[in-house]
Amino acid sequence: MVLRREAMIGHGLSHATFAGVALGLLMGYEPMLLALLVAAIGAVFMIRLKEDSGLGGDTGIGILSSIGMALGVVIATIAGDFNADLLSYLFGSILTIQPHEVIISGFLAAFTIGLFCWFYQDLIYITFDKECAKASGISAHRLEVILGIITAVTVVVGMRIVGLLLVTALMVIPGASALLISKSVKSAILLSVLIGVTTVILGLIVSYYLNFPASGSIVILEGIVLGGALVEHNYSRIG
């Protein structure tokens, strides 16, 4: 997403996912599964809106995030008795994660990694030269949908750790940091994974010993890493 300059897609999907979580809690179904369904539908909606209407991608993100958040607020108001559960999805609460949610998250994470690895070359191709990729026979629309689904799954997996309000940071900051100091796309991808995993682990340790919110601790650490990457990037340019 950072390479494609579409970092705010995660923001739009996280707001749409809020409606899915609220609906799941209201109906008594598994919130993560309904959130995944809503996020996937939202991703396809943004892609179709961008391709068919001529509106920019940022317009689709704004529409989706606004409608999703509005639906979530209305559903939460109608129910009125699960605000505590809803807050744990908004702000993240690793201590409230249930065993079955860990299993679901693990499955979704494995699915996302597998999907990304399978279509890696084509995804990189359309990222840097979409028109040339189309000319070579690659289905750009199919890959756009796949990338949207990968993003939707990532939002759903991350929301239980840092919450829907901060999950975009979990998706964007490690990648941005890695791009600043990496020499190639492949090394940037690997480094972003390393940064993401390390900051999550360290953030959980900090939150445990200092009694800070885990979500805030993780994102602040990622911000510190980004600051260091910016310094290194600027220093290397001067040198």
C-alpha atoms as a PDB file:
ATOM      1  CA  MET A   1       0.000   0.000   0.000  1.00  0.00           C
ATOM      2  CA  VAL A   2       2.848   2.381   0.797  1.00  0.00           C
ATOM      3  CA  LEU A   3       4.521   1.681  -2.552  1.00  0.00           C
ATOM      4  CA  ARG A   4       1.234   2.325  -4.374  1.00  0.00           C
ATOM      5  CA  ARG A   5       0.632   5.523  -2.359  1.00  0.00           C
ATOM      6  CA  GLU A   6      -2.641   4.089  -1.093  1.00  0.00           C
ATOM      7  CA  ALA A   7      -1.786   3.916   2.588  1.00  0.00           C
ATOM      8  CA  MET A   8      -5.186   5.231   3.671  1.00  0.00           C
ATOM      9  CA  ILE A   9      -7.042   2.213   2.274  1.00  0.00           C
ATOM     10  CA  GLY A  10      -6.489   0.541   5.632  1.00  0.00           C
ATOM     11  CA  HIS A  11      -8.049   3.564   7.328  1.00  0.00           C
ATOM     12  CA  GLY A  12     -11.183   3.321   5.203  1.00  0.00           C
ATOM     13  CA  LEU A  13     -11.508  -0.421   5.701  1.00  0.00           C
ATOM     14  CA  SER A  14     -11.004  -0.142   9.466  1.00  0.00           C
ATOM     15  CA  HIS A  15     -13.920   2.286   9.710  1.00  0.00           C
ATOM     16  CA  ALA A  16     -16.080  -0.002   7.578  1.00  0.00           C
ATOM     17  CA  THR A  17     -15.057  -2.952   9.746  1.00  0.00           C
ATOM     18  CA  PHE A  18     -16.474  -1.100  12.755  1.00  0.00           C
ATOM     19  CA  ALA A  19     -19.948  -1.656  11.295  1.00  0.00           C
ATOM     20  CA  GLY A  20     -19.243  -5.382  10.898  1.00  0.00           C
ATOM     21  CA  VAL A  21     -18.052  -5.691  14.502  1.00  0.00           C
ATOM     22  CA  ALA A  22     -21.106  -3.843  15.828  1.00  0.00           C
ATOM     23  CA  LEU A  23     -23.424  -5.998  13.710  1.00  0.00           C
ATOM     24  CA  GLY A  24     -21.754  -9.192  14.907  1.00  0.00           C
ATOM     25  CA  LEU A  25     -22.107  -8.194  18.565  1.00  0.00           C
ATOM     26  CA  LEU A  26     -25.746  -7.191  18.009  1.00  0.00           C
ATOM     27  CA  MET A  27     -26.696 -10.446  16.268  1.00  0.00           C
ATOM     28  CA  GLY A  28     -24.639 -12.684  18.549  1.00  0.00           C
ATOM     29  CA  TYR A  29     -22.381 -13.921  15.752  1.00  0.00           C
ATOM     30  CA  GLU A  30     -18.585 -14.009  15.738  1.00  0.00           C
ATOM     31  CA  PRO A  31     -17.595 -10.327  15.264  1.00  0.00           C
ATOM     32  CA  MET A  32     -14.304 -11.166  13.521  1.00  0.00           C
ATOM     33  CA  LEU A  33     -16.025 -13.146  10.776  1.00  0.00           C
ATOM     34  CA  LEU A  34     -18.676 -10.505  10.119  1.00  0.00           C
ATOM     35  CA  ALA A  35     -15.970  -7.844  10.251  1.00  0.00           C
ATOM     36  CA  LEU A  36     -14.000  -9.785   7.627  1.00  0.00           C
ATOM     37  CA  LEU A  37     -17.076 -10.040   5.396  1.00  0.00           C
ATOM     38  CA  VAL A  38     -17.804  -6.313   5.653  1.00  0.00           C
ATOM     39  CA  ALA A  39     -14.135  -5.404   5.106  1.00  0.00           C
ATOM     40  CA  ALA A  40     -13.909  -7.608   1.997  1.00  0.00           C
ATOM     41  CA  ILE A  41     -17.115  -6.106   0.579  1.00  0.00           C
ATOM     42  CA  GLY A  42     -15.779  -2.642   1.366  1.00  0.00           C
ATOM     43  CA  ALA A  43     -12.506  -3.368  -0.432  1.00  0.00           C
ATOM     44  CA  VAL A  44     -14.334  -4.518  -3.569  1.00  0.00           C
ATOM     45  CA  PHE A  45     -16.630  -1.475  -3.339  1.00  0.00           C
ATOM     46  CA  MET A  46     -13.665   0.915  -3.291  1.00  0.00           C
ATOM     47  CA  ILE A  47     -12.054  -0.814  -6.258  1.00  0.00           C
ATOM     48  CA  ARG A  48     -15.247  -0.787  -8.326  1.00  0.00           C
ATOM     49  CA  LEU A  49     -15.948   2.836  -7.447  1.00  0.00           C
ATOM     50  CA  LYS A  50     -12.457   3.878  -8.526  1.00  0.00           C
ATOM     51  CA  GLU A  51     -12.573   1.912 -11.788  1.00  0.00           C
ATOM     52  CA  ASP A  52     -16.178   2.525 -12.874  1.00  0.00           C
ATOM     53  CA  SER A  53     -17.066   6.008 -11.645  1.00  0.00           C
ATOM     54  CA  GLY A  54     -13.901   7.909 -12.450  1.00  0.00           C
ATOM     55  CA  LEU A  55     -13.709   9.135  -8.870  1.00  0.00           C
ATOM     56  CA  GLY A  56     -10.296   9.022  -7.240  1.00  0.00           C
ATOM     57  CA  GLY A  57      -9.323   6.294  -4.811  1.00  0.00           C
ATOM     58  CA  ASP A  58      -9.237   8.794  -1.947  1.00  0.00           C
ATOM     59  CA  THR A  59     -12.892   9.625  -2.631  1.00  0.00           C
ATOM     60  CA  GLY A  60     -13.860   5.969  -2.289  1.00  0.00           C
ATOM     61  CA  ILE A  61     -11.923   5.745   0.971  1.00  0.00           C
ATOM     62  CA  GLY A  62     -13.734   8.801   2.330  1.00  0.00           C
ATOM     63  CA  ILE A  63     -17.144   7.454   1.336  1.00  0.00           C
ATOM     64  CA  LEU A  64     -16.518   3.991   2.752  1.00  0.00           C
ATOM     65  CA  SER A  65     -15.034   5.192   6.043  1.00  0.00           C
ATOM     66  CA  SER A  66     -17.883   7.659   6.619  1.00  0.00           C
ATOM     67  CA  ILE A  67     -20.681   5.211   5.839  1.00  0.00           C
ATOM     68  CA  GLY A  68     -19.033   2.386   7.783  1.00  0.00           C
ATOM     69  CA  MET A  69     -18.521   4.483  10.889  1.00  0.00           C
ATOM     70  CA  ALA A  70     -22.056   5.890  10.651  1.00  0.00           C
ATOM     71  CA  LEU A  71     -23.557   2.397  10.421  1.00  0.00           C
ATOM     72  CA  GLY A  72     -21.455   1.254  13.368  1.00  0.00           C
ATOM     73  CA  VAL A  73     -22.601   4.178  15.513  1.00  0.00           C
ATOM     74  CA  VAL A  74     -26.265   3.576  14.632  1.00  0.00           C
ATOM     75  CA  ILE A  75     -26.047  -0.159  15.362  1.00  0.00           C
ATOM     76  CA  ALA A  76     -24.231   0.478  18.652  1.00  0.00           C
ATOM     77  CA  THR A  77     -26.889   2.998  19.664  1.00  0.00           C
ATOM     78  CA  ILE A  78     -29.712   0.583  18.834  1.00  0.00           C
ATOM     79  CA  ALA A  79     -28.164  -2.212  20.893  1.00  0.00           C
ATOM     80  CA  GLY A  80     -26.807  -0.112  23.731  1.00  0.00           C
ATOM     81  CA  ASP A  81     -25.631  -3.014  25.900  1.00  0.00           C
ATOM     82  CA  PHE A  82     -22.300  -4.112  24.456  1.00  0.00           C
ATOM     83  CA  ASN A  83     -20.315  -0.869  24.574  1.00  0.00           C
ATOM     84  CA  ALA A  84     -17.512  -2.457  26.621  1.00  0.00           C
ATOM     85  CA  ASP A  85     -17.021  -5.201  24.031  1.00  0.00           C
ATOM     86  CA  LEU A  86     -17.153  -2.671  21.224  1.00  0.00           C
ATOM     87  CA  LEU A  87     -14.511  -0.496  22.879  1.00  0.00           C
ATOM     88  CA  SER A  88     -12.125  -3.461  23.016  1.00  0.00           C
ATOM     89  CA  TYR A  89     -12.370  -3.697  19.224  1.00  0.00           C
ATOM     90  CA  LEU A  90     -11.971   0.054  18.762  1.00  0.00           C
ATOM     91  CA  PHE A  91      -8.915   0.487  20.977  1.00  0.00           C
ATOM     92  CA  GLY A  92      -7.565  -3.066  21.110  1.00  0.00           C
ATOM     93  CA  SER A  93      -7.344  -5.284  24.154  1.00  0.00           C
ATOM     94  CA  ILE A  94      -5.003  -8.227  23.876  1.00  0.00           C
ATOM     95  CA  LEU A  95      -6.030  -9.478  27.330  1.00  0.00           C
ATOM     96  CA  THR A  96      -9.619 -10.001  26.167  1.00  0.00           C
ATOM     97  CA  ILE A  97      -8.710 -12.088  23.111  1.00  0.00           C
ATOM     98  CA  GLN A  98     -10.392 -15.490  23.268  1.00  0.00           C
ATOM     99  CA  PRO A  99      -8.696 -18.766  22.219  1.00  0.00           C
ATOM    100  CA  HIS A 100     -10.961 -19.143  19.191  1.00  0.00           C
ATOM    101  CA  GLU A 101     -10.027 -15.618  18.078  1.00  0.00           C
ATOM    102  CA  VAL A 102      -6.356 -16.580  18.211  1.00  0.00           C
ATOM    103  CA  ILE A 103      -7.118 -19.557  15.967  1.00  0.00           C
ATOM    104  CA  ILE A 104      -9.097 -17.399  13.533  1.00  0.00           C
ATOM    105  CA  SER A 105      -6.333 -14.776  13.475  1.00  0.00           C
ATOM    106  CA  GLY A 106      -3.678 -17.425  12.863  1.00  0.00           C
ATOM    107  CA  PHE A 107      -5.640 -18.919   9.984  1.00  0.00           C
ATOM    108  CA  LEU A 108      -6.277 -15.502   8.427  1.00  0.00           C
ATOM    109  CA  ALA A 109      -2.618 -14.515   8.811  1.00  0.00           C
ATOM    110  CA  ALA A 110      -1.471 -17.738   7.126  1.00  0.00           C
ATOM    111  CA  PHE A 111      -4.018 -17.197   4.339  1.00  0.00           C
ATOM    112  CA  THR A 112      -2.797 -13.640   3.773  1.00  0.00           C
ATOM    113  CA  ILE A 113       0.874 -14.640   3.672  1.00  0.00           C
ATOM    114  CA  GLY A 114       0.139 -17.489   1.273  1.00  0.00           C
ATOM    115  CA  LEU A 115      -1.934 -15.278  -1.017  1.00  0.00           C
ATOM    116  CA  PHE A 116       0.726 -12.575  -1.063  1.00  0.00           C
ATOM    117  CA  CYS A 117       3.540 -15.040  -1.814  1.00  0.00           C
ATOM    118  CA  TRP A 118       1.532 -16.718  -4.584  1.00  0.00           C
ATOM    119  CA  PHE A 119       0.838 -13.451  -6.413  1.00  0.00           C
ATOM    120  CA  TYR A 120       4.002 -11.617  -5.348  1.00  0.00           C
ATOM    121  CA  GLN A 121       5.533 -11.061  -8.795  1.00  0.00           C
ATOM    122  CA  ASP A 122       2.288  -9.882 -10.378  1.00  0.00           C
ATOM    123  CA  LEU A 123       1.506  -7.565  -7.462  1.00  0.00           C
ATOM    124  CA  ILE A 124       4.933  -5.954  -7.749  1.00  0.00           C
ATOM    125  CA  TYR A 125       4.448  -5.652 -11.514  1.00  0.00           C
ATOM    126  CA  ILE A 126       1.145  -3.745 -11.304  1.00  0.00           C
ATOM    127  CA  THR A 127       2.517  -1.594  -8.487  1.00  0.00           C
ATOM    128  CA  PHE A 128       5.322  -0.154 -10.616  1.00  0.00           C
ATOM    129  CA  ASP A 129       3.844  -0.335 -14.128  1.00  0.00           C
ATOM    130  CA  LYS A 130       0.127  -1.079 -14.232  1.00  0.00           C
ATOM    131  CA  GLU A 131      -0.340  -0.351 -17.940  1.00  0.00           C
ATOM    132  CA  CYS A 132       2.573  -2.552 -18.957  1.00  0.00           C
ATOM    133  CA  ALA A 133       1.243  -5.310 -16.714  1.00  0.00           C
ATOM    134  CA  LYS A 134      -2.124  -5.110 -18.471  1.00  0.00           C
ATOM    135  CA  ALA A 135      -0.423  -5.242 -21.869  1.00  0.00           C
ATOM    136  CA  SER A 136       1.430  -8.396 -20.847  1.00  0.00           C
ATOM    137  CA  GLY A 137      -1.861 -10.157 -20.085  1.00  0.00           C
ATOM    138  CA  ILE A 138      -1.995  -9.723 -16.325  1.00  0.00           C
ATOM    139  CA  SER A 139      -5.503  -9.112 -14.958  1.00  0.00           C
ATOM    140  CA  ALA A 140      -5.014  -5.861 -13.071  1.00  0.00           C
ATOM    141  CA  HIS A 141      -8.579  -5.907 -11.741  1.00  0.00           C
ATOM    142  CA  ARG A 142      -8.171  -9.381 -10.269  1.00  0.00           C
ATOM    143  CA  LEU A 143      -4.940  -8.362  -8.569  1.00  0.00           C
ATOM    144  CA  GLU A 144      -6.551  -5.180  -7.251  1.00  0.00           C
ATOM    145  CA  VAL A 145      -9.259  -7.328  -5.659  1.00  0.00           C
ATOM    146  CA  ILE A 146      -6.666  -9.726  -4.221  1.00  0.00           C
ATOM    147  CA  LEU A 147      -4.707  -6.818  -2.742  1.00  0.00           C
ATOM    148  CA  GLY A 148      -7.935  -5.404  -1.319  1.00  0.00           C
ATOM    149  CA  ILE A 149      -8.768  -8.739   0.314  1.00  0.00           C
ATOM    150  CA  ILE A 150      -5.240  -8.993   1.745  1.00  0.00           C
ATOM    151  CA  THR A 151      -5.676  -5.518   3.235  1.00  0.00           C
ATOM    152  CA  ALA A 152      -9.114  -6.399   4.625  1.00  0.00           C
ATOM    153  CA  VAL A 153      -7.789  -9.544   6.300  1.00  0.00           C
ATOM    154  CA  THR A 154      -4.852  -7.596   7.748  1.00  0.00           C
ATOM    155  CA  VAL A 155      -7.240  -5.052   9.269  1.00  0.00           C
ATOM    156  CA  VAL A 156      -9.326  -7.780  10.898  1.00  0.00           C
ATOM    157  CA  VAL A 157      -6.270  -9.590  12.285  1.00  0.00           C
ATOM    158  CA  GLY A 158      -4.726  -6.393  13.637  1.00  0.00           C
ATOM    159  CA  MET A 159      -7.849  -4.927  15.213  1.00  0.00           C
ATOM    160  CA  ARG A 160      -7.708  -7.168  18.297  1.00  0.00           C
ATOM    161  CA  ILE A 161      -4.126  -6.092  19.027  1.00  0.00           C
ATOM    162  CA  VAL A 162      -4.138  -2.331  18.448  1.00  0.00           C
ATOM    163  CA  GLY A 163      -7.806  -1.638  17.728  1.00  0.00           C
ATOM    164  CA  LEU A 164      -9.590  -0.358  14.655  1.00  0.00           C
ATOM    165  CA  LEU A 165      -8.570   3.241  15.353  1.00  0.00           C
ATOM    166  CA  LEU A 166      -4.837   2.466  15.220  1.00  0.00           C
ATOM    167  CA  VAL A 167      -4.644  -0.569  12.942  1.00  0.00           C
ATOM    168  CA  THR A 168      -3.666   1.615   9.970  1.00  0.00           C
ATOM    169  CA  ALA A 169      -0.457   2.540  11.785  1.00  0.00           C
ATOM    170  CA  LEU A 170       0.365  -1.144  12.182  1.00  0.00           C
ATOM    171  CA  MET A 171       0.019  -1.571   8.428  1.00  0.00           C
ATOM    172  CA  VAL A 172       1.709   1.612   7.209  1.00  0.00           C
ATOM    173  CA  ILE A 173       4.507   2.686   9.576  1.00  0.00           C
ATOM    174  CA  PRO A 174       6.661  -0.497   9.357  1.00  0.00           C
ATOM    175  CA  GLY A 175       6.500  -0.400   5.559  1.00  0.00           C
ATOM    176  CA  ALA A 176       7.293   3.304   5.404  1.00  0.00           C
ATOM    177  CA  SER A 177      10.222   2.865   7.789  1.00  0.00           C
ATOM    178  CA  ALA A 178      11.610  -0.046   5.791  1.00  0.00           C
ATOM    179  CA  LEU A 179      11.351   1.798   2.470  1.00  0.00           C
ATOM    180  CA  LEU A 180      13.396   4.686   3.854  1.00  0.00           C
ATOM    181  CA  ILE A 181      16.432   2.538   4.604  1.00  0.00           C
ATOM    182  CA  SER A 182      16.169  -0.430   2.218  1.00  0.00           C
ATOM    183  CA  LYS A 183      17.944  -0.831  -1.105  1.00  0.00           C
ATOM    184  CA  SER A 184      15.358  -3.068  -2.778  1.00  0.00           C
ATOM    185  CA  VAL A 185      11.659  -3.897  -2.618  1.00  0.00           C
ATOM    186  CA  LYS A 186      12.278  -7.428  -1.366  1.00  0.00           C
ATOM    187  CA  SER A 187      14.524  -6.251   1.464  1.00  0.00           C
ATOM    188  CA  ALA A 188      11.962  -3.561   2.336  1.00  0.00           C
ATOM    189  CA  ILE A 189       9.213  -6.181   2.630  1.00  0.00           C
ATOM    190  CA  LEU A 190      11.318  -8.419   4.864  1.00  0.00           C
ATOM    191  CA  LEU A 191      12.459  -5.491   7.002  1.00  0.00           C
ATOM    192  CA  SER A 192       8.897  -4.191   7.395  1.00  0.00           C
ATOM    193  CA  VAL A 193       7.822  -7.603   8.701  1.00  0.00           C
ATOM    194  CA  LEU A 194      10.740  -7.594  11.137  1.00  0.00           C
ATOM    195  CA  ILE A 195       9.888  -4.078  12.326  1.00  0.00           C
ATOM    196  CA  GLY A 196       6.214  -4.949  12.721  1.00  0.00           C
ATOM    197  CA  VAL A 197       6.817  -8.133  14.707  1.00  0.00           C
ATOM    198  CA  THR A 198       9.527  -6.570  16.882  1.00  0.00           C
ATOM    199  CA  THR A 199       7.515  -3.474  17.776  1.00  0.00           C
ATOM    200  CA  VAL A 200       4.458  -5.570  18.640  1.00  0.00           C
ATOM    201  CA  ILE A 201       6.495  -7.782  20.990  1.00  0.00           C
ATOM    202  CA  LEU A 202       8.321  -4.837  22.584  1.00  0.00           C
ATOM    203  CA  GLY A 203       5.076  -2.880  22.831  1.00  0.00           C
ATOM    204  CA  LEU A 204       3.413  -5.727  24.711  1.00  0.00           C
ATOM    205  CA  ILE A 205       6.394  -5.935  27.080  1.00  0.00           C
ATOM    206  CA  VAL A 206       6.270  -2.180  27.718  1.00  0.00           C
ATOM    207  CA  SER A 207       2.518  -2.248  28.307  1.00  0.00           C
ATOM    208  CA  TYR A 208       2.888  -5.140  30.767  1.00  0.00           C
ATOM    209  CA  TYR A 209       5.605  -3.565  32.918  1.00  0.00           C
ATOM    210  CA  LEU A 210       4.484   0.075  32.725  1.00  0.00           C
ATOM    211  CA  ASN A 211       0.738  -0.600  32.651  1.00  0.00           C
ATOM    212  CA  PHE A 212       0.352   1.316  29.391  1.00  0.00           C
ATOM    213  CA  PRO A 213      -2.239   0.459  26.719  1.00  0.00           C
ATOM    214  CA  ALA A 214      -0.732  -2.131  24.388  1.00  0.00           C
ATOM    215  CA  SER A 215      -2.042  -0.418  21.265  1.00  0.00           C
ATOM    216  CA  GLY A 216      -0.547   2.951  22.157  1.00  0.00           C
ATOM    217  CA  SER A 217       2.770   1.411  23.202  1.00  0.00           C
ATOM    218  CA  ILE A 218       3.115  -0.494  19.928  1.00  0.00           C
ATOM    219  CA  VAL A 219       2.318   2.484  17.705  1.00  0.00           C
ATOM    220  CA  ILE A 220       4.582   4.852  19.676  1.00  0.00           C
ATOM    221  CA  LEU A 221       7.468   2.396  19.281  1.00  0.00           C
ATOM    222  CA  GLU A 222       6.759   2.223  15.557  1.00  0.00           C
ATOM    223  CA  GLY A 223       6.821   6.015  15.470  1.00  0.00           C
ATOM    224  CA  ILE A 224      10.240   5.995  17.156  1.00  0.00           C
ATOM    225  CA  VAL A 225      11.510   3.496  14.580  1.00  0.00           C
ATOM    226  CA  LEU A 226      10.148   5.697  11.786  1.00  0.00           C
ATOM    227  CA  GLY A 227      11.934   8.703  13.270  1.00  0.00           C
ATOM    228  CA  GLY A 228      15.186   6.750  13.344  1.00  0.00           C
ATOM    229  CA  ALA A 229      14.655   5.640   9.744  1.00  0.00           C
ATOM    230  CA  LEU A 230      14.092   9.254   8.666  1.00  0.00           C
ATOM    231  CA  VAL A 231      17.319  10.340  10.367  1.00  0.00           C
ATOM    232  CA  GLU A 232      19.247   7.494   8.727  1.00  0.00           C
ATOM    233  CA  HIS A 233      17.695   8.257   5.333  1.00  0.00           C
ATOM    234  CA  ASN A 234      18.561  11.956   5.487  1.00  0.00           C
ATOM    235  CA  TYR A 235      22.045  11.277   6.869  1.00  0.00           C
ATOM    236  CA  SER A 236      22.830   8.800   4.078  1.00  0.00           C
ATOM    237  CA  ARG A 237      21.689  11.328   1.459  1.00  0.00           C
ATOM    238  CA  ILE A 238      23.938  14.020   2.910  1.00  0.00           C
ATOM    239  CA  GLY A 239      26.844  11.595   3.232  1.00  0.00           C
END
